[in-house]
N, C-alpha and C. Protein backbone atom coordinates (compact mmCIF):
# COMPACT_ATOMS: atom_id res chain seq x y z
N MET A 1 0.87 -1.20 0.09
CA MET A 1 -0.01 -0.07 0.32
C MET A 1 0.88 1.28 0.13
N ASP A 2 0.65 2.15 -0.74
CA ASP A 2 1.47 3.16 -0.99
C ASP A 2 1.15 4.25 0.29
N GLU A 3 1.97 5.31 0.24
CA GLU A 3 1.70 6.41 1.33
C GLU A 3 0.48 7.20 0.85
N ALA A 4 -0.11 7.55 -0.48
CA ALA A 4 -1.20 8.02 -0.58
C ALA A 4 -2.59 7.23 0.22
N GLN A 5 -2.55 6.10 -0.38
CA GLN A 5 -3.36 5.11 0.25
C GLN A 5 -3.76 5.12 1.77
N ASP A 6 -2.54 4.93 2.21
CA ASP A 6 -2.36 5.14 3.80
C ASP A 6 -3.00 6.21 4.35
N ALA A 7 -2.78 7.33 3.57
CA ALA A 7 -3.31 8.67 4.09
C ALA A 7 -5.04 8.61 3.96
N ARG A 8 -5.38 8.08 2.70
CA ARG A 8 -6.90 8.13 2.57
C ARG A 8 -7.36 7.13 3.39
N THR A 9 -6.80 5.84 3.85
CA THR A 9 -7.35 5.03 5.02
C THR A 9 -7.59 5.64 6.39
N ALA A 10 -6.39 6.28 6.61
CA ALA A 10 -6.24 6.81 8.00
C ALA A 10 -7.46 7.85 8.18
N LEU A 11 -7.57 8.92 7.21
CA LEU A 11 -8.73 9.73 6.89
C LEU A 11 -10.03 9.36 7.28
N ASP A 12 -10.46 8.30 6.49
CA ASP A 12 -11.59 7.67 6.21
C ASP A 12 -11.98 7.07 7.68
N ARG A 13 -10.92 6.32 8.21
CA ARG A 13 -10.80 5.65 9.88
C ARG A 13 -11.31 6.80 10.91
N LEU A 14 -10.48 7.78 10.54
CA LEU A 14 -10.63 9.20 11.50
C LEU A 14 -12.08 9.83 11.50
N ILE A 15 -12.45 9.67 10.59
CA ILE A 15 -14.18 10.18 9.90
C ILE A 15 -15.10 9.28 10.53
N VAL A 16 -15.15 7.95 10.53
CA VAL A 16 -15.95 7.03 10.89
C VAL A 16 -15.99 7.20 12.47
N GLU A 17 -14.72 7.03 13.21
CA GLU A 17 -14.58 6.87 14.36
C GLU A 17 -15.02 8.12 15.30
N ARG A 18 -14.96 9.33 14.53
CA ARG A 18 -15.26 10.69 15.18
C ARG A 18 -16.84 10.99 15.04
N GLY A 19 -17.49 10.00 13.76
CA GLY A 19 -18.80 10.60 13.63
C GLY A 19 -18.87 11.46 12.74
N GLU A 20 -18.08 11.74 11.81
CA GLU A 20 -17.91 12.95 11.06
C GLU A 20 -18.45 12.78 9.28
N ASN A 21 -18.60 13.64 8.78
CA ASN A 21 -19.05 13.14 7.21
C ASN A 21 -18.28 13.59 6.36
N TYR A 22 -18.02 13.12 5.28
CA TYR A 22 -17.38 13.70 4.14
C TYR A 22 -17.69 15.33 3.73
N ALA A 23 -19.01 15.60 3.49
CA ALA A 23 -19.34 16.78 2.92
C ALA A 23 -18.95 17.97 4.06
N ASP A 24 -19.28 17.74 5.21
CA ASP A 24 -18.94 18.83 6.36
C ASP A 24 -17.52 19.06 6.55
N LEU A 25 -16.49 17.94 6.41
CA LEU A 25 -15.08 18.29 6.19
C LEU A 25 -14.80 18.81 5.23
N SER A 26 -15.50 18.54 4.01
CA SER A 26 -14.87 19.34 2.77
C SER A 26 -15.20 20.76 2.90
N ARG A 27 -16.35 21.10 3.38
CA ARG A 27 -16.97 22.27 3.61
C ARG A 27 -15.73 23.39 4.92
N LEU A 28 -15.27 22.27 5.57
CA LEU A 28 -14.57 23.00 6.85
C LEU A 28 -13.35 23.43 6.07
N ILE A 29 -12.58 22.88 5.15
CA ILE A 29 -11.33 23.05 4.60
C ILE A 29 -11.84 24.11 3.09
N GLY A 30 -13.13 24.51 3.15
CA GLY A 30 -13.28 25.21 1.87
C GLY A 30 -13.23 24.78 0.56
N ARG A 31 -13.49 23.33 0.49
CA ARG A 31 -13.92 22.67 -1.02
C ARG A 31 -15.29 22.44 -1.07
N ASN A 32 -15.63 22.04 -2.29
CA ASN A 32 -16.90 21.55 -2.60
C ASN A 32 -17.50 20.14 -1.67
N PRO A 33 -18.32 20.12 -1.52
CA PRO A 33 -18.98 18.82 -0.60
C PRO A 33 -18.63 17.41 -1.01
N ALA A 34 -18.03 17.56 -2.28
CA ALA A 34 -17.64 15.87 -2.71
C ALA A 34 -16.31 15.92 -2.51
N TYR A 35 -15.52 16.66 -2.44
CA TYR A 35 -14.00 16.89 -2.12
C TYR A 35 -13.49 15.33 -1.34
N ILE A 36 -13.72 15.57 -0.25
CA ILE A 36 -13.35 14.49 0.79
C ILE A 36 -13.44 13.02 0.33
N GLN A 37 -14.77 13.04 -0.05
CA GLN A 37 -15.53 11.66 -0.51
C GLN A 37 -14.68 11.28 -1.58
N GLN A 38 -14.18 12.15 -2.90
CA GLN A 38 -13.52 11.95 -4.17
C GLN A 38 -11.94 11.64 -3.69
N PHE A 39 -11.57 11.95 -2.61
CA PHE A 39 -10.19 11.95 -2.24
C PHE A 39 -10.39 10.40 -1.80
N ILE A 40 -10.93 10.23 -0.88
CA ILE A 40 -11.13 8.75 -0.30
C ILE A 40 -11.49 7.89 -1.50
N LYS A 41 -12.55 7.95 -1.75
CA LYS A 41 -13.01 6.81 -2.84
C LYS A 41 -12.40 6.71 -3.95
N ARG A 42 -12.16 7.77 -4.91
CA ARG A 42 -11.73 7.89 -6.18
C ARG A 42 -10.30 8.07 -6.64
N GLY A 43 -9.62 8.41 -4.89
CA GLY A 43 -8.12 8.70 -5.09
C GLY A 43 -8.15 10.12 -5.84
N THR A 44 -8.97 11.01 -6.21
CA THR A 44 -8.64 12.31 -6.90
C THR A 44 -8.97 13.72 -5.71
N PRO A 45 -8.30 14.15 -5.49
CA PRO A 45 -6.36 14.38 -5.93
C PRO A 45 -6.00 13.45 -5.43
N ARG A 46 -4.57 13.02 -5.98
CA ARG A 46 -4.02 12.11 -5.47
C ARG A 46 -3.40 12.34 -3.85
N ARG A 47 -2.86 13.44 -3.70
CA ARG A 47 -2.50 13.87 -2.08
C ARG A 47 -3.34 15.36 -2.06
N LEU A 48 -3.49 15.17 -0.65
CA LEU A 48 -4.07 16.29 -0.12
C LEU A 48 -3.04 17.63 -0.13
N ALA A 49 -3.75 18.86 -0.58
CA ALA A 49 -3.05 20.12 -0.63
C ALA A 49 -2.38 20.14 0.94
N GLU A 50 -1.20 20.99 0.92
CA GLU A 50 -0.66 21.36 2.26
C GLU A 50 -1.42 21.57 3.23
N GLU A 51 -2.04 23.04 2.99
CA GLU A 51 -3.35 23.72 3.59
C GLU A 51 -4.44 22.75 4.25
N ASP A 52 -4.80 22.00 3.26
CA ASP A 52 -5.93 21.32 3.56
C ASP A 52 -5.72 19.93 4.45
N ARG A 53 -4.41 19.32 4.43
CA ARG A 53 -3.96 18.39 5.20
C ARG A 53 -3.72 18.97 6.53
N SER A 54 -3.32 20.03 6.82
CA SER A 54 -3.07 20.82 8.10
C SER A 54 -4.38 20.95 8.75
N ALA A 55 -5.21 21.75 8.14
CA ALA A 55 -6.29 22.05 8.55
C ALA A 55 -7.06 20.68 9.20
N LEU A 56 -7.14 19.71 8.51
CA LEU A 56 -7.69 18.53 8.85
C LEU A 56 -6.99 17.79 10.02
N ALA A 57 -5.63 17.73 9.91
CA ALA A 57 -4.83 17.25 11.21
C ALA A 57 -4.96 17.87 12.33
N ARG A 58 -5.10 19.28 12.22
CA ARG A 58 -5.79 20.05 13.34
C ARG A 58 -7.12 19.94 14.20
N PHE A 59 -7.87 19.77 13.22
CA PHE A 59 -9.38 19.25 13.44
C PHE A 59 -9.34 17.72 14.26
N PHE A 60 -8.38 16.99 13.81
CA PHE A 60 -8.62 15.88 14.15
C PHE A 60 -7.63 15.42 15.42
N GLY A 61 -6.50 16.23 15.51
CA GLY A 61 -5.77 16.36 16.55
C GLY A 61 -4.60 15.22 16.33
N VAL A 62 -4.26 15.28 14.95
CA VAL A 62 -3.34 14.07 14.70
C VAL A 62 -2.25 15.01 14.15
N ALA A 63 -1.11 13.97 14.00
CA ALA A 63 0.21 14.62 13.24
C ALA A 63 -0.07 14.63 11.65
N GLU A 64 0.32 15.68 11.06
CA GLU A 64 0.23 15.79 9.26
C GLU A 64 0.76 14.25 8.84
N GLU A 65 1.79 13.94 9.32
CA GLU A 65 2.19 12.52 8.78
C GLU A 65 1.06 11.36 8.71
N VAL A 66 0.27 11.54 9.50
CA VAL A 66 -1.08 10.42 9.50
C VAL A 66 -1.74 10.36 8.15
N LEU A 67 -1.74 11.79 7.74
CA LEU A 67 -2.43 12.29 6.45
C LEU A 67 -1.79 12.41 5.45
N GLY A 68 -0.66 11.93 5.17
CA GLY A 68 0.23 12.09 3.99
C GLY A 68 1.47 13.09 4.02
N GLY A 69 1.40 13.85 5.27
CA GLY A 69 2.53 14.85 5.52
C GLY A 69 3.95 14.28 5.36
N PRO A 70 4.65 15.18 5.61
CA PRO A 70 6.19 14.87 6.08
C PRO A 70 6.35 14.10 7.35
N PRO A 71 7.41 13.59 7.65
CA PRO A 71 7.30 13.45 9.31
C PRO A 71 7.68 14.26 9.76
N ALA A 72 7.49 14.38 11.12
CA ALA A 72 7.82 15.40 12.06
C ALA A 72 8.93 15.38 12.40
N LYS A 73 9.60 16.87 12.66
CA LYS A 73 10.83 17.10 12.63
C LYS A 73 11.32 16.90 14.31
N ALA A 74 12.14 16.16 14.40
CA ALA A 74 12.71 16.06 16.05
C ALA A 74 13.10 17.07 16.50
N GLU A 75 12.64 17.83 17.30
CA GLU A 75 12.83 19.15 18.08
C GLU A 75 13.74 19.11 19.26
């Protein structure tokens, strides 16, 4: 499984676990209501844009790496 698929699977799992829905999360990041559904189910876009990934990671309280971002830098 590639990184992009891992990110789609992780995001879908977070959505289900938290009782969220695709349309509301799409609107949260300023996208059309089908954006997250298309990302997860169709693989389009191939990767989340940095600002979308960042907003979703903050919303769910997870590292961006979980959603396909670069590994966190050690401080």
